[in-house]
Amino acid sequence: MNIYVGNLPYSATEDELRTAFAAFGDVNRVNVITDRDTGRSKGFAFVEMADNSSGDAAIKGLNETPMGGRNLKVNEAKPRGDRR
Protein backbone atom coordinates (compact mmCIF):
# COMPACT_ATOMS: atom_id res chain seq x y z
CA MET A 1 0.00 0.00 0.00
CA ASN A 2 1.31 3.44 -0.92
CA ILE A 3 0.66 6.13 1.70
CA TYR A 4 0.81 9.93 1.41
CA VAL A 5 2.23 11.76 4.42
CA GLY A 6 1.62 15.52 4.40
CA ASN A 7 2.28 18.46 6.71
CA LEU A 8 5.71 17.05 7.53
CA PRO A 9 8.17 19.24 9.38
CA TYR A 10 10.90 20.22 6.91
CA SER A 11 13.46 18.60 9.19
CA ALA A 12 11.83 15.13 9.01
CA THR A 13 14.08 12.37 7.69
CA GLU A 14 13.37 9.09 5.92
CA ASP A 15 14.71 7.23 8.96
CA GLU A 16 12.27 9.01 11.30
CA LEU A 17 9.35 8.14 9.04
CA ARG A 18 10.51 4.54 8.65
CA THR A 19 10.68 4.20 12.45
CA ALA A 20 7.21 5.71 12.94
CA PHE A 21 5.57 3.50 10.29
CA ALA A 22 7.47 0.33 11.27
CA ALA A 23 5.42 0.24 14.48
CA PHE A 24 2.48 -0.82 12.27
CA GLY A 25 4.20 -3.33 9.96
CA ASP A 26 6.91 -3.83 7.37
CA VAL A 27 7.96 -0.71 5.47
CA ASN A 28 9.15 -1.33 1.91
CA ARG A 29 10.17 2.20 0.98
CA VAL A 30 10.18 5.79 2.26
CA ASN A 31 10.54 8.78 -0.07
CA VAL A 32 10.67 12.32 1.34
CA ILE A 33 9.98 14.67 -1.57
CA THR A 34 12.60 17.39 -1.98
CA ASP A 35 12.97 20.47 -4.13
CA ARG A 36 15.28 19.59 -7.01
CA ASP A 37 17.07 22.96 -6.90
CA THR A 38 17.61 23.38 -3.16
CA GLY A 39 17.40 19.78 -1.93
CA ARG A 40 15.11 21.00 0.87
CA SER A 41 12.08 18.93 1.86
CA LYS A 42 8.76 20.05 0.37
CA GLY A 43 6.91 18.93 3.50
CA PHE A 44 5.45 15.67 2.24
CA ALA A 45 6.49 12.09 1.63
CA PHE A 46 5.33 8.70 0.42
CA VAL A 47 5.64 5.51 2.44
CA GLU A 48 5.11 2.09 0.91
CA MET A 49 3.91 -0.56 3.35
CA ALA A 50 4.21 -4.31 2.69
CA ASP A 51 0.45 -4.97 2.82
CA ASN A 52 -2.89 -3.21 3.04
CA SER A 53 -3.70 -4.21 6.63
CA SER A 54 -0.48 -2.67 7.99
CA GLY A 55 -1.01 0.37 5.75
CA ASP A 56 -4.55 0.86 7.06
CA ALA A 57 -3.30 0.50 10.65
CA ALA A 58 -0.56 3.09 10.01
CA ILE A 59 -3.05 5.55 8.50
CA LYS A 60 -5.40 5.20 11.47
CA GLY A 61 -2.56 5.30 13.99
CA LEU A 62 -0.56 8.22 12.58
CA ASN A 63 -3.08 10.59 10.99
CA GLU A 64 -3.24 13.86 12.98
CA THR A 65 -0.38 12.82 15.28
CA PRO A 66 2.28 15.45 16.06
CA MET A 67 5.77 15.34 14.58
CA GLY A 68 8.15 18.24 14.98
CA GLY A 69 5.36 20.56 16.10
CA ARG A 70 3.04 19.75 13.17
CA ASN A 71 0.10 17.35 12.91
CA LEU A 72 0.67 14.81 10.15
CA LYS A 73 -1.88 14.25 7.39
CA VAL A 74 -1.73 10.55 6.53
CA ASN A 75 -3.91 8.84 3.93
CA GLU A 76 -3.78 6.40 1.05
CA ALA A 77 -1.91 7.89 -1.90
CA LYS A 78 -3.95 8.48 -5.04
CA PRO A 79 -2.57 7.50 -8.46
CA ARG A 80 -1.13 10.48 -10.36
CA GLY A 81 -4.03 10.61 -12.82
CA ASP A 82 -6.69 10.70 -10.06
CA ARG A 83 -5.46 13.74 -8.09
CA ARG A 84 -8.55 15.93 -8.63
PDB file of N, CA and C in Angstrom:
ATOM      1  N   MET A   1       0.849  -1.172   0.000  1.00  0.00           N
ATOM      2  CA  MET A   1       0.000   0.000   0.000  1.00  0.00           C
ATOM      3  C   MET A   1       0.893   1.232   0.000  1.00  0.00           C
ATOM      4  N   ASN A   2       0.567   2.189  -0.841  1.00  0.00           N
ATOM      5  CA  ASN A   2       1.311   3.440  -0.921  1.00  0.00           C
ATOM      6  C   ASN A   2       0.558   4.511  -0.124  1.00  0.00           C
ATOM      7  N   ILE A   3       1.268   5.181   0.775  1.00  0.00           N
ATOM      8  CA  ILE A   3       0.656   6.131   1.704  1.00  0.00           C
ATOM      9  C   ILE A   3       1.262   7.510   1.520  1.00  0.00           C
ATOM     10  N   TYR A   4       0.392   8.525   1.463  1.00  0.00           N
ATOM     11  CA  TYR A   4       0.813   9.927   1.405  1.00  0.00           C
ATOM     12  C   TYR A   4       0.921  10.459   2.831  1.00  0.00           C
ATOM     13  N   VAL A   5       2.020  11.139   3.122  1.00  0.00           N
ATOM     14  CA  VAL A   5       2.230  11.764   4.424  1.00  0.00           C
ATOM     15  C   VAL A   5       2.463  13.249   4.188  1.00  0.00           C
ATOM     16  N   GLY A   6       1.516  14.076   4.600  1.00  0.00           N
ATOM     17  CA  GLY A   6       1.619  15.515   4.399  1.00  0.00           C
ATOM     18  C   GLY A   6       1.804  16.264   5.702  1.00  0.00           C
ATOM     19  N   ASN A   7       2.067  17.556   5.575  1.00  0.00           N
ATOM     20  CA  ASN A   7       2.277  18.459   6.714  1.00  0.00           C
ATOM     21  C   ASN A   7       3.484  18.026   7.549  1.00  0.00           C
ATOM     22  N   LEU A   8       4.474  17.466   6.864  1.00  0.00           N
ATOM     23  CA  LEU A   8       5.705  17.046   7.534  1.00  0.00           C
ATOM     24  C   LEU A   8       6.535  18.255   7.943  1.00  0.00           C
ATOM     25  N   PRO A   9       7.196  18.191   9.079  1.00  0.00           N
ATOM     26  CA  PRO A   9       8.174  19.237   9.383  1.00  0.00           C
ATOM     27  C   PRO A   9       9.303  19.124   8.348  1.00  0.00           C
ATOM     28  N   TYR A  10       9.863  20.237   7.941  1.00  0.00           N
ATOM     29  CA  TYR A  10      10.895  20.221   6.908  1.00  0.00           C
ATOM     30  C   TYR A  10      12.152  19.490   7.358  1.00  0.00           C
ATOM     31  N   SER A  11      12.290  19.291   8.656  1.00  0.00           N
ATOM     32  CA  SER A  11      13.465  18.596   9.187  1.00  0.00           C
ATOM     33  C   SER A  11      13.290  17.087   9.229  1.00  0.00           C
ATOM     34  N   ALA A  12      12.105  16.569   8.916  1.00  0.00           N
ATOM     35  CA  ALA A  12      11.830  15.126   9.006  1.00  0.00           C
ATOM     36  C   ALA A  12      12.722  14.349   8.042  1.00  0.00           C
ATOM     37  N   THR A  13      13.216  13.204   8.512  1.00  0.00           N
ATOM     38  CA  THR A  13      14.083  12.368   7.685  1.00  0.00           C
ATOM     39  C   THR A  13      13.373  11.066   7.320  1.00  0.00           C
ATOM     40  N   GLU A  14      13.918  10.389   6.317  1.00  0.00           N
ATOM     41  CA  GLU A  14      13.371   9.093   5.921  1.00  0.00           C
ATOM     42  C   GLU A  14      13.471   8.095   7.067  1.00  0.00           C
ATOM     43  N   ASP A  15      14.557   8.146   7.827  1.00  0.00           N
ATOM     44  CA  ASP A  15      14.714   7.229   8.963  1.00  0.00           C
ATOM     45  C   ASP A  15      13.647   7.453  10.031  1.00  0.00           C
ATOM     46  N   GLU A  16      13.318   8.719  10.314  1.00  0.00           N
ATOM     47  CA  GLU A  16      12.273   9.014  11.300  1.00  0.00           C
ATOM     48  C   GLU A  16      10.930   8.464  10.841  1.00  0.00           C
ATOM     49  N   LEU A  17      10.613   8.652   9.561  1.00  0.00           N
ATOM     50  CA  LEU A  17       9.346   8.140   9.042  1.00  0.00           C
ATOM     51  C   LEU A  17       9.329   6.610   9.052  1.00  0.00           C
ATOM     52  N   ARG A  18      10.436   6.007   8.653  1.00  0.00           N
ATOM     53  CA  ARG A  18      10.513   4.540   8.651  1.00  0.00           C
ATOM     54  C   ARG A  18      10.266   3.998  10.059  1.00  0.00           C
ATOM     55  N   THR A  19      10.859   4.624  11.061  1.00  0.00           N
ATOM     56  CA  THR A  19      10.678   4.197  12.446  1.00  0.00           C
ATOM     57  C   THR A  19       9.219   4.343  12.882  1.00  0.00           C
ATOM     58  N   ALA A  20       8.598   5.475  12.551  1.00  0.00           N
ATOM     59  CA  ALA A  20       7.205   5.710  12.940  1.00  0.00           C
ATOM     60  C   ALA A  20       6.270   4.684  12.291  1.00  0.00           C
ATOM     61  N   PHE A  21       6.459   4.416  11.004  1.00  0.00           N
ATOM     62  CA  PHE A  21       5.572   3.500  10.290  1.00  0.00           C
ATOM     63  C   PHE A  21       5.870   2.038  10.607  1.00  0.00           C
ATOM     64  N   ALA A  22       7.101   1.716  10.969  1.00  0.00           N
ATOM     65  CA  ALA A  22       7.471   0.332  11.272  1.00  0.00           C
ATOM     66  C   ALA A  22       6.725  -0.207  12.493  1.00  0.00           C
ATOM     67  N   ALA A  23       6.212   0.683  13.329  1.00  0.00           N
ATOM     68  CA  ALA A  23       5.420   0.242  14.482  1.00  0.00           C
ATOM     69  C   ALA A  23       4.125  -0.447  14.039  1.00  0.00           C
ATOM     70  N   PHE A  24       3.739  -0.265  12.772  1.00  0.00           N
ATOM     71  CA  PHE A  24       2.476  -0.824  12.271  1.00  0.00           C
ATOM     72  C   PHE A  24       2.685  -1.970  11.286  1.00  0.00           C
ATOM     73  N   GLY A  25       3.927  -2.239  10.897  1.00  0.00           N
ATOM     74  CA  GLY A  25       4.202  -3.329   9.961  1.00  0.00           C
ATOM     75  C   GLY A  25       5.466  -3.067   9.165  1.00  0.00           C
ATOM     76  N   ASP A  26       5.702  -3.945   8.185  1.00  0.00           N
ATOM     77  CA  ASP A  26       6.914  -3.835   7.366  1.00  0.00           C
ATOM     78  C   ASP A  26       6.816  -2.660   6.402  1.00  0.00           C
ATOM     79  N   VAL A  27       7.878  -1.867   6.369  1.00  0.00           N
ATOM     80  CA  VAL A  27       7.963  -0.713   5.473  1.00  0.00           C
ATOM     81  C   VAL A  27       8.878  -1.087   4.309  1.00  0.00           C
ATOM     82  N   ASN A  28       8.347  -1.011   3.092  1.00  0.00           N
ATOM     83  CA  ASN A  28       9.151  -1.331   1.912  1.00  0.00           C
ATOM     84  C   ASN A  28      10.021  -0.164   1.471  1.00  0.00           C
ATOM     85  N   ARG A  29       9.452   1.058   1.518  1.00  0.00           N
ATOM     86  CA  ARG A  29      10.171   2.203   0.976  1.00  0.00           C
ATOM     87  C   ARG A  29       9.645   3.481   1.592  1.00  0.00           C
ATOM     88  N   VAL A  30      10.537   4.456   1.785  1.00  0.00           N
ATOM     89  CA  VAL A  30      10.177   5.788   2.258  1.00  0.00           C
ATOM     90  C   VAL A  30      10.811   6.793   1.306  1.00  0.00           C
ATOM     91  N   ASN A  31      10.028   7.774   0.851  1.00  0.00           N
ATOM     92  CA  ASN A  31      10.542   8.776  -0.072  1.00  0.00           C
ATOM     93  C   ASN A  31      10.071  10.167   0.361  1.00  0.00           C
ATOM     94  N   VAL A  32      10.969  10.924   0.994  1.00  0.00           N
ATOM     95  CA  VAL A  32      10.672  12.318   1.340  1.00  0.00           C
ATOM     96  C   VAL A  32      10.898  13.145   0.075  1.00  0.00           C
ATOM     97  N   ILE A  33       9.896  13.893  -0.338  1.00  0.00           N
ATOM     98  CA  ILE A  33       9.980  14.666  -1.573  1.00  0.00           C
ATOM     99  C   ILE A  33      10.747  15.954  -1.316  1.00  0.00           C
ATOM    100  N   THR A  34      11.764  16.197  -2.143  1.00  0.00           N
ATOM    101  CA  THR A  34      12.604  17.385  -1.978  1.00  0.00           C
ATOM    102  C   THR A  34      12.565  18.252  -3.223  1.00  0.00           C
ATOM    103  N   ASP A  35      12.859  19.520  -3.024  1.00  0.00           N
ATOM    104  CA  ASP A  35      12.975  20.466  -4.131  1.00  0.00           C
ATOM    105  C   ASP A  35      14.234  20.127  -4.924  1.00  0.00           C
ATOM    106  N   ARG A  36      14.124  20.022  -6.232  1.00  0.00           N
ATOM    107  CA  ARG A  36      15.282  19.593  -7.014  1.00  0.00           C
ATOM    108  C   ARG A  36      16.385  20.645  -7.064  1.00  0.00           C
ATOM    109  N   ASP A  37      16.045  21.912  -6.865  1.00  0.00           N
ATOM    110  CA  ASP A  37      17.068  22.963  -6.904  1.00  0.00           C
ATOM    111  C   ASP A  37      17.780  23.132  -5.567  1.00  0.00           C
ATOM    112  N   THR A  38      17.023  23.112  -4.473  1.00  0.00           N
ATOM    113  CA  THR A  38      17.613  23.383  -3.161  1.00  0.00           C
ATOM    114  C   THR A  38      17.900  22.116  -2.361  1.00  0.00           C
ATOM    115  N   GLY A  39      17.235  21.005  -2.688  1.00  0.00           N
ATOM    116  CA  GLY A  39      17.397  19.780  -1.927  1.00  0.00           C
ATOM    117  C   GLY A  39      16.624  19.783  -0.623  1.00  0.00           C
ATOM    118  N   ARG A  40      15.889  20.862  -0.361  1.00  0.00           N
ATOM    119  CA  ARG A  40      15.112  20.995   0.875  1.00  0.00           C
ATOM    120  C   ARG A  40      13.788  20.246   0.742  1.00  0.00           C
ATOM    121  N   SER A  41      13.345  19.653   1.847  1.00  0.00           N
ATOM    122  CA  SER A  41      12.078  18.933   1.865  1.00  0.00           C
ATOM    123  C   SER A  41      10.932  19.855   1.462  1.00  0.00           C
ATOM    124  N   LYS A  42       9.964  19.297   0.728  1.00  0.00           N
ATOM    125  CA  LYS A  42       8.761  20.054   0.367  1.00  0.00           C
ATOM    126  C   LYS A  42       7.650  19.879   1.396  1.00  0.00           C
ATOM    127  N   GLY A  43       7.894  19.088   2.441  1.00  0.00           N
ATOM    128  CA  GLY A  43       6.906  18.929   3.503  1.00  0.00           C
ATOM    129  C   GLY A  43       5.946  17.783   3.307  1.00  0.00           C
ATOM    130  N   PHE A  44       6.271  16.874   2.370  1.00  0.00           N
ATOM    131  CA  PHE A  44       5.446  15.670   2.240  1.00  0.00           C
ATOM    132  C   PHE A  44       6.308  14.503   1.786  1.00  0.00           C
ATOM    133  N   ALA A  45       5.752  13.308   1.948  1.00  0.00           N
ATOM    134  CA  ALA A  45       6.495  12.091   1.626  1.00  0.00           C
ATOM    135  C   ALA A  45       5.522  10.985   1.238  1.00  0.00           C
ATOM    136  N   PHE A  46       6.086   9.905   0.721  1.00  0.00           N
ATOM    137  CA  PHE A  46       5.329   8.703   0.423  1.00  0.00           C
ATOM    138  C   PHE A  46       5.988   7.538   1.135  1.00  0.00           C
ATOM    139  N   VAL A  47       5.155   6.701   1.742  1.00  0.00           N
ATOM    140  CA  VAL A  47       5.639   5.512   2.445  1.00  0.00           C
ATOM    141  C   VAL A  47       4.926   4.315   1.841  1.00  0.00           C
ATOM    142  N   GLU A  48       5.694   3.310   1.461  1.00  0.00           N
ATOM    143  CA  GLU A  48       5.112   2.089   0.913  1.00  0.00           C
ATOM    144  C   GLU A  48       5.186   0.996   1.969  1.00  0.00           C
ATOM    145  N   MET A  49       4.013   0.516   2.356  1.00  0.00           N
ATOM    146  CA  MET A  49       3.913  -0.558   3.353  1.00  0.00           C
ATOM    147  C   MET A  49       3.779  -1.899   2.622  1.00  0.00           C
ATOM    148  N   ALA A  50       4.193  -2.977   3.305  1.00  0.00           N
ATOM    149  CA  ALA A  50       4.215  -4.309   2.694  1.00  0.00           C
ATOM    150  C   ALA A  50       2.819  -4.829   2.329  1.00  0.00           C
ATOM    151  N   ASP A  51       1.804  -4.476   3.120  1.00  0.00           N
ATOM    152  CA  ASP A  51       0.450  -4.970   2.817  1.00  0.00           C
ATOM    153  C   ASP A  51      -0.597  -3.943   3.249  1.00  0.00           C
ATOM    154  N   ASN A  52      -1.815  -4.158   2.782  1.00  0.00           N
ATOM    155  CA  ASN A  52      -2.891  -3.206   3.038  1.00  0.00           C
ATOM    156  C   ASN A  52      -3.288  -3.129   4.511  1.00  0.00           C
ATOM    157  N   SER A  53      -3.263  -4.248   5.226  1.00  0.00           N
ATOM    158  CA  SER A  53      -3.697  -4.207   6.628  1.00  0.00           C
ATOM    159  C   SER A  53      -2.730  -3.372   7.466  1.00  0.00           C
ATOM    160  N   SER A  54      -1.428  -3.500   7.245  1.00  0.00           N
ATOM    161  CA  SER A  54      -0.480  -2.673   7.991  1.00  0.00           C
ATOM    162  C   SER A  54      -0.561  -1.221   7.528  1.00  0.00           C
ATOM    163  N   GLY A  55      -0.832  -0.999   6.257  1.00  0.00           N
ATOM    164  CA  GLY A  55      -1.011   0.368   5.753  1.00  0.00           C
ATOM    165  C   GLY A  55      -2.224   1.040   6.368  1.00  0.00           C
ATOM    166  N   ASP A  56      -3.337   0.311   6.440  1.00  0.00           N
ATOM    167  CA  ASP A  56      -4.548   0.859   7.062  1.00  0.00           C
ATOM    168  C   ASP A  56      -4.305   1.173   8.539  1.00  0.00           C
ATOM    169  N   ALA A  57      -3.596   0.285   9.227  1.00  0.00           N
ATOM    170  CA  ALA A  57      -3.296   0.504  10.648  1.00  0.00           C
ATOM    171  C   ALA A  57      -2.414   1.749  10.820  1.00  0.00           C
ATOM    172  N   ALA A  58      -1.442   1.924   9.936  1.00  0.00           N
ATOM    173  CA  ALA A  58      -0.559   3.094  10.015  1.00  0.00           C
ATOM    174  C   ALA A  58      -1.330   4.384   9.760  1.00  0.00           C
ATOM    175  N   ILE A  59      -2.245   4.363   8.796  1.00  0.00           N
ATOM    176  CA  ILE A  59      -3.051   5.553   8.504  1.00  0.00           C
ATOM    177  C   ILE A  59      -3.886   5.921   9.728  1.00  0.00           C
ATOM    178  N   LYS A  60      -4.562   4.939  10.290  1.00  0.00           N
ATOM    179  CA  LYS A  60      -5.398   5.198  11.473  1.00  0.00           C
ATOM    180  C   LYS A  60      -4.559   5.629  12.670  1.00  0.00           C
ATOM    181  N   GLY A  61      -3.386   5.018  12.829  1.00  0.00           N
ATOM    182  CA  GLY A  61      -2.564   5.297  13.990  1.00  0.00           C
ATOM    183  C   GLY A  61      -1.761   6.588  13.924  1.00  0.00           C
ATOM    184  N   LEU A  62      -1.444   7.053  12.707  1.00  0.00           N
ATOM    185  CA  LEU A  62      -0.557   8.216  12.580  1.00  0.00           C
ATOM    186  C   LEU A  62      -1.234   9.488  12.085  1.00  0.00           C
ATOM    187  N   ASN A  63      -2.408   9.391  11.478  1.00  0.00           N
ATOM    188  CA  ASN A  63      -3.082  10.592  10.986  1.00  0.00           C
ATOM    189  C   ASN A  63      -3.377  11.541  12.150  1.00  0.00           C
ATOM    190  N   GLU A  64      -3.037  12.792  11.981  1.00  0.00           N
ATOM    191  CA  GLU A  64      -3.241  13.864  12.976  1.00  0.00           C
ATOM    192  C   GLU A  64      -2.349  13.737  14.210  1.00  0.00           C
ATOM    193  N   THR A  65      -1.315  12.884  14.157  1.00  0.00           N
ATOM    194  CA  THR A  65      -0.380  12.822  15.276  1.00  0.00           C
ATOM    195  C   THR A  65       0.720  13.866  15.086  1.00  0.00           C
ATOM    196  N   PRO A  66       1.259  14.412  16.187  1.00  0.00           N
ATOM    197  CA  PRO A  66       2.285  15.445  16.061  1.00  0.00           C
ATOM    198  C   PRO A  66       3.661  14.878  15.713  1.00  0.00           C
ATOM    199  N   MET A  67       4.359  15.621  14.875  1.00  0.00           N
ATOM    200  CA  MET A  67       5.765  15.337  14.576  1.00  0.00           C
ATOM    201  C   MET A  67       6.447  16.679  14.343  1.00  0.00           C
ATOM    202  N   GLY A  68       7.421  16.984  15.144  1.00  0.00           N
ATOM    203  CA  GLY A  68       8.154  18.236  14.979  1.00  0.00           C
ATOM    204  C   GLY A  68       7.279  19.469  15.075  1.00  0.00           C
ATOM    205  N   GLY A  69       6.237  19.413  15.916  1.00  0.00           N
ATOM    206  CA  GLY A  69       5.362  20.565  16.095  1.00  0.00           C
ATOM    207  C   GLY A  69       4.247  20.702  15.072  1.00  0.00           C
ATOM    208  N   ARG A  70       4.101  19.717  14.188  1.00  0.00           N
ATOM    209  CA  ARG A  70       3.035  19.753  13.169  1.00  0.00           C
ATOM    210  C   ARG A  70       2.240  18.458  13.242  1.00  0.00           C
ATOM    211  N   ASN A  71       0.940  18.537  12.946  1.00  0.00           N
ATOM    212  CA  ASN A  71       0.098  17.346  12.914  1.00  0.00           C
ATOM    213  C   ASN A  71       0.138  16.744  11.513  1.00  0.00           C
ATOM    214  N   LEU A  72       0.551  15.490  11.433  1.00  0.00           N
ATOM    215  CA  LEU A  72       0.673  14.807  10.153  1.00  0.00           C
ATOM    216  C   LEU A  72      -0.689  14.577   9.508  1.00  0.00           C
ATOM    217  N   LYS A  73      -0.713  14.628   8.196  1.00  0.00           N
ATOM    218  CA  LYS A  73      -1.880  14.251   7.392  1.00  0.00           C
ATOM    219  C   LYS A  73      -1.489  12.969   6.672  1.00  0.00           C
ATOM    220  N   VAL A  74      -2.116  11.865   7.057  1.00  0.00           N
ATOM    221  CA  VAL A  74      -1.728  10.552   6.532  1.00  0.00           C
ATOM    222  C   VAL A  74      -2.952   9.907   5.892  1.00  0.00           C
ATOM    223  N   ASN A  75      -2.837   9.551   4.603  1.00  0.00           N
ATOM    224  CA  ASN A  75      -3.913   8.840   3.926  1.00  0.00           C
ATOM    225  C   ASN A  75      -3.362   8.038   2.758  1.00  0.00           C
ATOM    226  N   GLU A  76      -4.217   7.211   2.181  1.00  0.00           N
ATOM    227  CA  GLU A  76      -3.779   6.397   1.049  1.00  0.00           C
ATOM    228  C   GLU A  76      -3.465   7.305  -0.126  1.00  0.00           C
ATOM    229  N   ALA A  77      -2.324   7.070  -0.757  1.00  0.00           N
ATOM    230  CA  ALA A  77      -1.911   7.887  -1.900  1.00  0.00           C
ATOM    231  C   ALA A  77      -2.817   7.588  -3.092  1.00  0.00           C
ATOM    232  N   LYS A  78      -3.141   8.618  -3.837  1.00  0.00           N
ATOM    233  CA  LYS A  78      -3.947   8.482  -5.043  1.00  0.00           C
ATOM    234  C   LYS A  78      -3.009   8.360  -6.246  1.00  0.00           C
ATOM    235  N   PRO A  79      -3.391   7.567  -7.234  1.00  0.00           N
ATOM    236  CA  PRO A  79      -2.570   7.505  -8.457  1.00  0.00           C
ATOM    237  C   PRO A  79      -2.466   8.889  -9.092  1.00  0.00           C
ATOM    238  N   ARG A  80      -1.380   9.136  -9.791  1.00  0.00           N
ATOM    239  CA  ARG A  80      -1.133  10.478 -10.360  1.00  0.00           C
ATOM    240  C   ARG A  80      -2.288  11.001 -11.188  1.00  0.00           C
ATOM    241  N   GLY A  81      -2.948  10.166 -11.958  1.00  0.00           N
ATOM    242  CA  GLY A  81      -4.034  10.613 -12.817  1.00  0.00           C
ATOM    243  C   GLY A  81      -5.308  10.955 -12.070  1.00  0.00           C
ATOM    244  N   ASP A  82      -5.456  10.532 -10.816  1.00  0.00           N
ATOM    245  CA  ASP A  82      -6.691  10.699 -10.059  1.00  0.00           C
ATOM    246  C   ASP A  82      -6.588  11.787  -8.979  1.00  0.00           C
ATOM    247  N   ARG A  83      -5.711  12.769  -9.143  1.00  0.00           N
ATOM    248  CA  ARG A  83      -5.462  13.745  -8.087  1.00  0.00           C
ATOM    249  C   ARG A  83      -6.398  14.952  -8.158  1.00  0.00           C
ATOM    250  N   ARG A  84      -7.624  14.790  -8.539  1.00  0.00           N
ATOM    251  CA  ARG A  84      -8.551  15.933  -8.635  1.00  0.00           C
ATOM    252  C   ARG A  84      -9.131  16.292  -7.306  1.00  0.00           C
TER     253      ARG A  84
END
